[in-house]
Amino acid sequence: MGERVKIFAIVALLGFMAGVIAQLTAVFVIPWIISILPALGGLTSYMVAGCAGAVLTVGLVSAWAYLTGNKNR
């Protein structure tokens, strides 16, 4: 049972960090990109959100795979 609690705690910590990154992206990165690339206007927030989602998903899956690696060694 201790391993499951550890996994849940790590996933919760990663989720917290993902929320902080999402908030910082929404407040600082998206307005900055819109000011640099005004032609993209409405698409910029979707592109940033998609990239952030991809990075966070790869990070979460990598952490899960690392923590639940092969136990036969």
PDB file of N, CA and C in Angstrom:
ATOM      1  N   MET A   1       0.820  -1.202   0.000  1.00  0.00           N
ATOM      2  CA  MET A   1       0.000   0.000   0.000  1.00  0.00           C
ATOM      3  C   MET A   1       0.856   1.255   0.000  1.00  0.00           C
ATOM      4  N   GLY A   2       2.050   1.185   0.557  1.00  0.00           N
ATOM      5  CA  GLY A   2       2.930   2.339   0.614  1.00  0.00           C
ATOM      6  C   GLY A   2       3.364   2.817  -0.757  1.00  0.00           C
ATOM      7  N   GLU A   3       3.547   1.885  -1.699  1.00  0.00           N
ATOM      8  CA  GLU A   3       3.944   2.264  -3.059  1.00  0.00           C
ATOM      9  C   GLU A   3       2.845   3.067  -3.743  1.00  0.00           C
ATOM     10  N   ARG A   4       1.591   2.670  -3.531  1.00  0.00           N
ATOM     11  CA  ARG A   4       0.478   3.398  -4.146  1.00  0.00           C
ATOM     12  C   ARG A   4       0.374   4.816  -3.596  1.00  0.00           C
ATOM     13  N   VAL A   5       0.545   4.970  -2.315  1.00  0.00           N
ATOM     14  CA  VAL A   5       0.488   6.294  -1.707  1.00  0.00           C
ATOM     15  C   VAL A   5       1.614   7.170  -2.275  1.00  0.00           C
ATOM     16  N   LYS A   6       2.789   6.579  -2.446  1.00  0.00           N
ATOM     17  CA  LYS A   6       3.918   7.313  -3.017  1.00  0.00           C
ATOM     18  C   LYS A   6       3.604   7.750  -4.451  1.00  0.00           C
ATOM     19  N   ILE A   7       3.026   6.873  -5.248  1.00  0.00           N
ATOM     20  CA  ILE A   7       2.652   7.205  -6.632  1.00  0.00           C
ATOM     21  C   ILE A   7       1.617   8.323  -6.634  1.00  0.00           C
ATOM     22  N   PHE A   8       0.589   8.198  -5.789  1.00  0.00           N
ATOM     23  CA  PHE A   8      -0.442   9.241  -5.717  1.00  0.00           C
ATOM     24  C   PHE A   8       0.157  10.586  -5.304  1.00  0.00           C
ATOM     25  N   ALA A   9       1.073  10.571  -4.353  1.00  0.00           N
ATOM     26  CA  ALA A   9       1.700  11.816  -3.905  1.00  0.00           C
ATOM     27  C   ALA A   9       2.525  12.443  -5.018  1.00  0.00           C
ATOM     28  N   ILE A  10       3.243  11.628  -5.754  1.00  0.00           N
ATOM     29  CA  ILE A  10       4.066  12.165  -6.847  1.00  0.00           C
ATOM     30  C   ILE A  10       3.186  12.703  -7.965  1.00  0.00           C
ATOM     31  N   VAL A  11       2.116  11.993  -8.297  1.00  0.00           N
ATOM     32  CA  VAL A  11       1.193  12.471  -9.328  1.00  0.00           C
ATOM     33  C   VAL A  11       0.522  13.767  -8.870  1.00  0.00           C
ATOM     34  N   ALA A  12       0.167  13.849  -7.603  1.00  0.00           N
ATOM     35  CA  ALA A  12      -0.428  15.081  -7.079  1.00  0.00           C
ATOM     36  C   ALA A  12       0.572  16.241  -7.160  1.00  0.00           C
ATOM     37  N   LEU A  13       1.823  15.996  -6.833  1.00  0.00           N
ATOM     38  CA  LEU A  13       2.853  17.026  -6.931  1.00  0.00           C
ATOM     39  C   LEU A  13       3.058  17.460  -8.383  1.00  0.00           C
ATOM     40  N   LEU A  14       3.100  16.495  -9.295  1.00  0.00           N
ATOM     41  CA  LEU A  14       3.235  16.830 -10.712  1.00  0.00           C
ATOM     42  C   LEU A  14       2.017  17.614 -11.210  1.00  0.00           C
ATOM     43  N   GLY A  15       0.837  17.252 -10.740  1.00  0.00           N
ATOM     44  CA  GLY A  15      -0.360  17.995 -11.114  1.00  0.00           C
ATOM     45  C   GLY A  15      -0.335  19.417 -10.587  1.00  0.00           C
ATOM     46  N   PHE A  16       0.157  19.588  -9.378  1.00  0.00           N
ATOM     47  CA  PHE A  16       0.294  20.925  -8.813  1.00  0.00           C
ATOM     48  C   PHE A  16       1.263  21.759  -9.643  1.00  0.00           C
ATOM     49  N   MET A  17       2.394  21.161  -9.985  1.00  0.00           N
ATOM     50  CA  MET A  17       3.367  21.868 -10.799  1.00  0.00           C
ATOM     51  C   MET A  17       2.793  22.181 -12.180  1.00  0.00           C
ATOM     52  N   ALA A  18       2.000  21.275 -12.737  1.00  0.00           N
ATOM     53  CA  ALA A  18       1.370  21.527 -14.027  1.00  0.00           C
ATOM     54  C   ALA A  18       0.412  22.713 -13.940  1.00  0.00           C
ATOM     55  N   GLY A  19      -0.315  22.818 -12.848  1.00  0.00           N
ATOM     56  CA  GLY A  19      -1.214  23.954 -12.651  1.00  0.00           C
ATOM     57  C   GLY A  19      -0.470  25.267 -12.543  1.00  0.00           C
ATOM     58  N   VAL A  20       0.654  25.254 -11.843  1.00  0.00           N
ATOM     59  CA  VAL A  20       1.470  26.465 -11.716  1.00  0.00           C
ATOM     60  C   VAL A  20       2.023  26.859 -13.081  1.00  0.00           C
ATOM     61  N   ILE A  21       2.507  25.887 -13.839  1.00  0.00           N
ATOM     62  CA  ILE A  21       3.031  26.169 -15.176  1.00  0.00           C
ATOM     63  C   ILE A  21       1.926  26.698 -16.083  1.00  0.00           C
ATOM     64  N   ALA A  22       0.740  26.119 -16.001  1.00  0.00           N
ATOM     65  CA  ALA A  22      -0.379  26.591 -16.822  1.00  0.00           C
ATOM     66  C   ALA A  22      -0.754  28.027 -16.467  1.00  0.00           C
ATOM     67  N   GLN A  23      -0.758  28.358 -15.192  1.00  0.00           N
ATOM     68  CA  GLN A  23      -1.089  29.726 -14.776  1.00  0.00           C
ATOM     69  C   GLN A  23      -0.033  30.716 -15.250  1.00  0.00           C
ATOM     70  N   LEU A  24       1.227  30.364 -15.085  1.00  0.00           N
ATOM     71  CA  LEU A  24       2.302  31.248 -15.557  1.00  0.00           C
ATOM     72  C   LEU A  24       2.239  31.425 -17.069  1.00  0.00           C
ATOM     73  N   THR A  25       1.920  30.354 -17.767  1.00  0.00           N
ATOM     74  CA  THR A  25       1.785  30.441 -19.225  1.00  0.00           C
ATOM     75  C   THR A  25       0.655  31.377 -19.597  1.00  0.00           C
ATOM     76  N   ALA A  26      -0.476  31.251 -18.923  1.00  0.00           N
ATOM     77  CA  ALA A  26      -1.639  32.084 -19.246  1.00  0.00           C
ATOM     78  C   ALA A  26      -1.376  33.556 -18.939  1.00  0.00           C
ATOM     79  N   VAL A  27      -0.623  33.838 -17.889  1.00  0.00           N
ATOM     80  CA  VAL A  27      -0.413  35.223 -17.475  1.00  0.00           C
ATOM     81  C   VAL A  27       0.736  35.896 -18.231  1.00  0.00           C
ATOM     82  N   PHE A  28       1.815  35.165 -18.480  1.00  0.00           N
ATOM     83  CA  PHE A  28       3.011  35.790 -19.042  1.00  0.00           C
ATOM     84  C   PHE A  28       3.311  35.379 -20.483  1.00  0.00           C
ATOM     85  N   VAL A  29       3.287  34.102 -20.781  1.00  0.00           N
ATOM     86  CA  VAL A  29       3.757  33.617 -22.080  1.00  0.00           C
ATOM     87  C   VAL A  29       2.794  33.965 -23.205  1.00  0.00           C
ATOM     88  N   ILE A  30       1.503  33.708 -23.013  1.00  0.00           N
ATOM     89  CA  ILE A  30       0.540  33.954 -24.089  1.00  0.00           C
ATOM     90  C   ILE A  30       0.492  35.436 -24.477  1.00  0.00           C
ATOM     91  N   PRO A  31       0.378  36.376 -23.527  1.00  0.00           N
ATOM     92  CA  PRO A  31       0.407  37.791 -23.940  1.00  0.00           C
ATOM     93  C   PRO A  31       1.709  38.192 -24.635  1.00  0.00           C
ATOM     94  N   TRP A  32       2.835  37.634 -24.195  1.00  0.00           N
ATOM     95  CA  TRP A  32       4.110  37.943 -24.818  1.00  0.00           C
ATOM     96  C   TRP A  32       4.148  37.455 -26.264  1.00  0.00           C
ATOM     97  N   ILE A  33       3.679  36.220 -26.500  1.00  0.00           N
ATOM     98  CA  ILE A  33       3.672  35.683 -27.861  1.00  0.00           C
ATOM     99  C   ILE A  33       2.701  36.460 -28.741  1.00  0.00           C
ATOM    100  N   ILE A  34       1.558  36.840 -28.201  1.00  0.00           N
ATOM    101  CA  ILE A  34       0.598  37.617 -28.984  1.00  0.00           C
ATOM    102  C   ILE A  34       1.188  38.975 -29.366  1.00  0.00           C
ATOM    103  N   SER A  35       1.960  39.591 -28.465  1.00  0.00           N
ATOM    104  CA  SER A  35       2.574  40.880 -28.795  1.00  0.00           C
ATOM    105  C   SER A  35       3.662  40.730 -29.853  1.00  0.00           C
ATOM    106  N   ILE A  36       4.338  39.592 -29.881  1.00  0.00           N
ATOM    107  CA  ILE A  36       5.393  39.370 -30.864  1.00  0.00           C
ATOM    108  C   ILE A  36       4.811  38.940 -32.213  1.00  0.00           C
ATOM    109  N   LEU A  37       3.798  38.080 -32.181  1.00  0.00           N
ATOM    110  CA  LEU A  37       3.199  37.552 -33.407  1.00  0.00           C
ATOM    111  C   LEU A  37       1.719  37.928 -33.477  1.00  0.00           C
ATOM    112  N   PRO A  38       1.406  39.181 -33.730  1.00  0.00           N
ATOM    113  CA  PRO A  38      -0.004  39.599 -33.714  1.00  0.00           C
ATOM    114  C   PRO A  38      -0.836  38.951 -34.823  1.00  0.00           C
ATOM    115  N   ALA A  39      -0.206  38.498 -35.893  1.00  0.00           N
ATOM    116  CA  ALA A  39      -0.956  37.858 -36.976  1.00  0.00           C
ATOM    117  C   ALA A  39      -1.592  36.545 -36.523  1.00  0.00           C
ATOM    118  N   LEU A  40      -0.987  35.898 -35.545  1.00  0.00           N
ATOM    119  CA  LEU A  40      -1.555  34.641 -35.051  1.00  0.00           C
ATOM    120  C   LEU A  40      -2.715  34.883 -34.091  1.00  0.00           C
ATOM    121  N   GLY A  41      -2.757  36.044 -33.468  1.00  0.00           N
ATOM    122  CA  GLY A  41      -3.841  36.471 -32.596  1.00  0.00           C
ATOM    123  C   GLY A  41      -4.558  35.379 -31.845  1.00  0.00           C
ATOM    124  N   GLY A  42      -5.713  34.961 -32.366  1.00  0.00           N
ATOM    125  CA  GLY A  42      -6.562  34.001 -31.669  1.00  0.00           C
ATOM    126  C   GLY A  42      -6.001  32.596 -31.610  1.00  0.00           C
ATOM    127  N   LEU A  43      -5.100  32.245 -32.506  1.00  0.00           N
ATOM    128  CA  LEU A  43      -4.545  30.887 -32.506  1.00  0.00           C
ATOM    129  C   LEU A  43      -3.438  30.692 -31.489  1.00  0.00           C
ATOM    130  N   THR A  44      -2.838  31.770 -31.033  1.00  0.00           N
ATOM    131  CA  THR A  44      -1.675  31.663 -30.152  1.00  0.00           C
ATOM    132  C   THR A  44      -1.997  30.927 -28.866  1.00  0.00           C
ATOM    133  N   SER A  45      -3.108  31.252 -28.232  1.00  0.00           N
ATOM    134  CA  SER A  45      -3.441  30.597 -26.962  1.00  0.00           C
ATOM    135  C   SER A  45      -3.670  29.104 -27.155  1.00  0.00           C
ATOM    136  N   TYR A  46      -4.261  28.724 -28.288  1.00  0.00           N
ATOM    137  CA  TYR A  46      -4.480  27.300 -28.548  1.00  0.00           C
ATOM    138  C   TYR A  46      -3.164  26.572 -28.809  1.00  0.00           C
ATOM    139  N   MET A  47      -2.266  27.225 -29.524  1.00  0.00           N
ATOM    140  CA  MET A  47      -0.965  26.607 -29.800  1.00  0.00           C
ATOM    141  C   MET A  47      -0.164  26.426 -28.524  1.00  0.00           C
ATOM    142  N   VAL A  48      -0.152  27.442 -27.673  1.00  0.00           N
ATOM    143  CA  VAL A  48       0.589  27.338 -26.413  1.00  0.00           C
ATOM    144  C   VAL A  48      -0.034  26.276 -25.510  1.00  0.00           C
ATOM    145  N   ALA A  49      -1.371  26.260 -25.443  1.00  0.00           N
ATOM    146  CA  ALA A  49      -2.039  25.257 -24.616  1.00  0.00           C
ATOM    147  C   ALA A  49      -1.768  23.852 -25.135  1.00  0.00           C
ATOM    148  N   GLY A  50      -1.768  23.677 -26.432  1.00  0.00           N
ATOM    149  CA  GLY A  50      -1.471  22.363 -27.007  1.00  0.00           C
ATOM    150  C   GLY A  50      -0.053  21.916 -26.712  1.00  0.00           C
ATOM    151  N   CYS A  51       0.891  22.806 -26.851  1.00  0.00           N
ATOM    152  CA  CYS A  51       2.293  22.474 -26.548  1.00  0.00           C
ATOM    153  C   CYS A  51       2.471  22.168 -25.061  1.00  0.00           C
ATOM    154  N   ALA A  52       1.857  22.979 -24.218  1.00  0.00           N
ATOM    155  CA  ALA A  52       1.954  22.733 -22.773  1.00  0.00           C
ATOM    156  C   ALA A  52       1.319  21.400 -22.408  1.00  0.00           C
ATOM    157  N   GLY A  53       0.188  21.094 -22.995  1.00  0.00           N
ATOM    158  CA  GLY A  53      -0.462  19.808 -22.739  1.00  0.00           C
ATOM    159  C   GLY A  53       0.399  18.637 -23.181  1.00  0.00           C
ATOM    160  N   ALA A  54       1.039  18.767 -24.336  1.00  0.00           N
ATOM    161  CA  ALA A  54       1.917  17.700 -24.824  1.00  0.00           C
ATOM    162  C   ALA A  54       3.103  17.494 -23.889  1.00  0.00           C
ATOM    163  N   VAL A  55       3.727  18.587 -23.479  1.00  0.00           N
ATOM    164  CA  VAL A  55       4.891  18.484 -22.580  1.00  0.00           C
ATOM    165  C   VAL A  55       4.487  17.895 -21.234  1.00  0.00           C
ATOM    166  N   LEU A  56       3.375  18.362 -20.682  1.00  0.00           N
ATOM    167  CA  LEU A  56       2.932  17.850 -19.383  1.00  0.00           C
ATOM    168  C   LEU A  56       2.561  16.373 -19.458  1.00  0.00           C
ATOM    169  N   THR A  57       1.906  15.968 -20.544  1.00  0.00           N
ATOM    170  CA  THR A  57       1.528  14.568 -20.688  1.00  0.00           C
ATOM    171  C   THR A  57       2.762  13.682 -20.799  1.00  0.00           C
ATOM    172  N   VAL A  58       3.725  14.089 -21.599  1.00  0.00           N
ATOM    173  CA  VAL A  58       4.960  13.307 -21.718  1.00  0.00           C
ATOM    174  C   VAL A  58       5.673  13.244 -20.371  1.00  0.00           C
ATOM    175  N   GLY A  59       5.690  14.342 -19.648  1.00  0.00           N
ATOM    176  CA  GLY A  59       6.317  14.343 -18.323  1.00  0.00           C
ATOM    177  C   GLY A  59       5.626  13.415 -17.343  1.00  0.00           C
ATOM    178  N   LEU A  60       4.309  13.467 -17.312  1.00  0.00           N
ATOM    179  CA  LEU A  60       3.560  12.596 -16.404  1.00  0.00           C
ATOM    180  C   LEU A  60       3.727  11.125 -16.757  1.00  0.00           C
ATOM    181  N   VAL A  61       3.641  10.803 -18.036  1.00  0.00           N
ATOM    182  CA  VAL A  61       3.793   9.406 -18.451  1.00  0.00           C
ATOM    183  C   VAL A  61       5.222   8.932 -18.204  1.00  0.00           C
ATOM    184  N   SER A  62       6.197   9.782 -18.425  1.00  0.00           N
ATOM    185  CA  SER A  62       7.581   9.405 -18.159  1.00  0.00           C
ATOM    186  C   SER A  62       7.806   9.146 -16.671  1.00  0.00           C
ATOM    187  N   ALA A  63       7.260  10.003 -15.834  1.00  0.00           N
ATOM    188  CA  ALA A  63       7.385   9.802 -14.385  1.00  0.00           C
ATOM    189  C   ALA A  63       6.703   8.514 -13.957  1.00  0.00           C
ATOM    190  N   TRP A  64       5.530   8.262 -14.501  1.00  0.00           N
ATOM    191  CA  TRP A  64       4.808   7.022 -14.171  1.00  0.00           C
ATOM    192  C   TRP A  64       5.609   5.807 -14.619  1.00  0.00           C
ATOM    193  N   ALA A  65       6.143   5.842 -15.841  1.00  0.00           N
ATOM    194  CA  ALA A  65       6.909   4.705 -16.353  1.00  0.00           C
ATOM    195  C   ALA A  65       8.182   4.491 -15.532  1.00  0.00           C
ATOM    196  N   TYR A  66       8.819   5.577 -15.127  1.00  0.00           N
ATOM    197  CA  TYR A  66      10.035   5.459 -14.334  1.00  0.00           C
ATOM    198  C   TYR A  66       9.739   4.877 -12.956  1.00  0.00           C
ATOM    199  N   LEU A  67       8.665   5.343 -12.326  1.00  0.00           N
ATOM    200  CA  LEU A  67       8.340   4.890 -10.974  1.00  0.00           C
ATOM    201  C   LEU A  67       7.799   3.468 -10.931  1.00  0.00           C
ATOM    202  N   THR A  68       7.133   3.067 -11.996  1.00  0.00           N
ATOM    203  CA  THR A  68       6.547   1.718 -12.017  1.00  0.00           C
ATOM    204  C   THR A  68       7.339   0.825 -12.969  1.00  0.00           C
ATOM    205  N   GLY A  69       8.639   1.042 -13.031  1.00  0.00           N
ATOM    206  CA  GLY A  69       9.510   0.285 -13.935  1.00  0.00           C
ATOM    207  C   GLY A  69       9.509  -1.199 -13.624  1.00  0.00           C
ATOM    208  N   ASN A  70      10.335  -1.924 -14.331  1.00  0.00           N
ATOM    209  CA  ASN A  70      10.436  -3.369 -14.202  1.00  0.00           C
ATOM    210  C   ASN A  70      10.886  -3.746 -12.784  1.00  0.00           C
ATOM    211  N   LYS A  71      10.075  -4.529 -12.108  1.00  0.00           N
ATOM    212  CA  LYS A  71      10.374  -4.928 -10.726  1.00  0.00           C
ATOM    213  C   LYS A  71      11.139  -6.232 -10.668  1.00  0.00           C
ATOM    214  N   ASN A  72      11.451  -6.846 -11.811  1.00  0.00           N
ATOM    215  CA  ASN A  72      12.129  -8.139 -11.845  1.00  0.00           C
ATOM    216  C   ASN A  72      13.646  -8.028 -11.759  1.00  0.00           C
ATOM    217  N   ARG A  73      14.173  -6.854 -11.669  1.00  0.00           N
ATOM    218  CA  ARG A  73      15.626  -6.696 -11.625  1.00  0.00           C
ATOM    219  C   ARG A  73      16.168  -6.995 -10.281  1.00  0.00           C
TER     220      ARG A  73
END
